[in-house]
Amino acid sequence: MINSELNINEILSPEALSRESIIQLKKQTYVSEDNYEKLNKMVKILRLSISKIEDDTPEAKKNTLILGICLWVLGRLDEAIEVLSESQSRKIACYFLGKCHQELRNYETAIDYFERSKRADTEEFDIQMDIADTQRMSGNLQDALKLIQKLSKEHDNEANLHYQWAHCLDDLGEYDDAMTHYNRALEINPTHPNTLFRLAYDYDLNGEDEKAIDYYEKFINEVPAYSNVIINLGLLYEDHNDYEKAISCFETVLRSDPNHEKARLFLNDAKAGIRMHYDEDRVRKQDKETEVLNIPISDFELSVRSKNCLERMNIKTLDDLTKVTETELLSYKNFGETSLGEIKNILSQKGLHLGQAVEEKSQVENFIDANVIGDKENVPETISELDLSKRCINAVKKIGIETVDDLLFKTEAELLGQEGIKQTYVDEIKDKLDKYGLKLQSGNDIS
């Protein structure tokens, strides 16, 4: 798990500045909105600082380098290239220029910058891996494999080497050999992010959804920065009718990129899906209840006296029994406590009781009476119009409630029983409803 605490000044200090610390900075930046905003704020501060000092001073050069790196972290690649190009004499600047061009698919330029970023007196294994990675991306798989196999003599215990090896074989269609190296990478480092992603992606393509979800979740736990991965996971959740998790994935992407069109489209689909799923569940529940209520009394073993009494009262189904009270039954001639016990027993077996339909009808009438107000035209129709906080609206919509009418048929306990609904949200809802003379349902559900 990535540490969520982001200390930008410490990471970007001249003493700590390194390729490794910057890669870690990128991971931490996308853990939370606060971290993302912190880095955006740092970019503004650096630009302002650079504008106030002379170009050739050591401070200006240092700030320019750090600004370029921050822009790369934020994905503003064209800006990053423009700024980092002013620091090409620094090997670390060349390295991140290579990363920028790699992401922009300028592969030859990327390899050139990676070569320039290597120190002359060392092999620089990690940069060699970047070069192999770029060769693979460009389609030059054989050169990439040659470099990887050469490095394997000294670095066979490196997870990244086996990941790159597996990816090349994967692209060549040699899937069994690729899997061997993916597994070897995870033996060395069980949380190697790129390997987790590739396995998730491959299982996703092969229709092995459970394995794909497992690896996507592990990947996101390590590197919560890739929008496309989070979207893929959201789509898998949606395929399995886990709409709340799907919605959470798409909203995570939109928090970091509000203009992400695919994420917004998928979010709307997932919200429609959760409403449809909710309606289908309610219909299934009602169908099941109707089926139980229509069971004939003759299906149960009752005494002759009880059967005769019920026949004379024209009670033929369990539904008929829920429409009479205990008092009404006992008032009937020849119907005593023994017969009453028999009836109550068969009803309890089906989760019913005498007088249930009468009670429910009364609850509905009381509910309607309590919510009839003078100026009905001013009552909002949708949750969004109820003037709730944004967090409250999002939480309520996640559980499939879109209209005020939907909300009014929920009890406080039912709302609190839903994932993501806090007591503060329920209090806020009750307060807003009260302004219109409305209130949540009390007592049993009357669906």
Foldseek 3Di string as FASTA:
>chain_A
DQDLDDDPCVCLPPVNDDPVSLVSLLQNCLPDLVSVVVLVVLLVVLVVVLVVDDCPDPVNLSSLLVNLSSCVSLVVLVVSLVSLVVVLVALVSLQVVLVSCLVVLVLVSSLVSLVSSDDPPDPPVVSLLVNLVSCVVNVVLVVSLVSLVVCCVPPVLALSSLQSNLVSCVVVVVNVSSVVSLVSSCVSPVLPQSSLQVQLVVCVVVVVLVSNLVSLVSNCVRGVNDLVSLQSNLVSCVVVVVLLSSLVSLVSSCSSPVPPVVSVVSNVVSLVSLLVVVVVVVVVVVVVVVVQQAAFPVVDDADPLLVVLCVVVVNTTNVSQQCAAPVVQCVGPPRDPVSVVVNQVVQVVVPGGGVNVVVLVVLVVVQVVQQDDDCPVPDFFFPVPLPFDPLLSVQCSSNNGTTVVVQQQADPVRQVVDPSRDPVSQVRVQVSQVVNSHHHRDDDGND
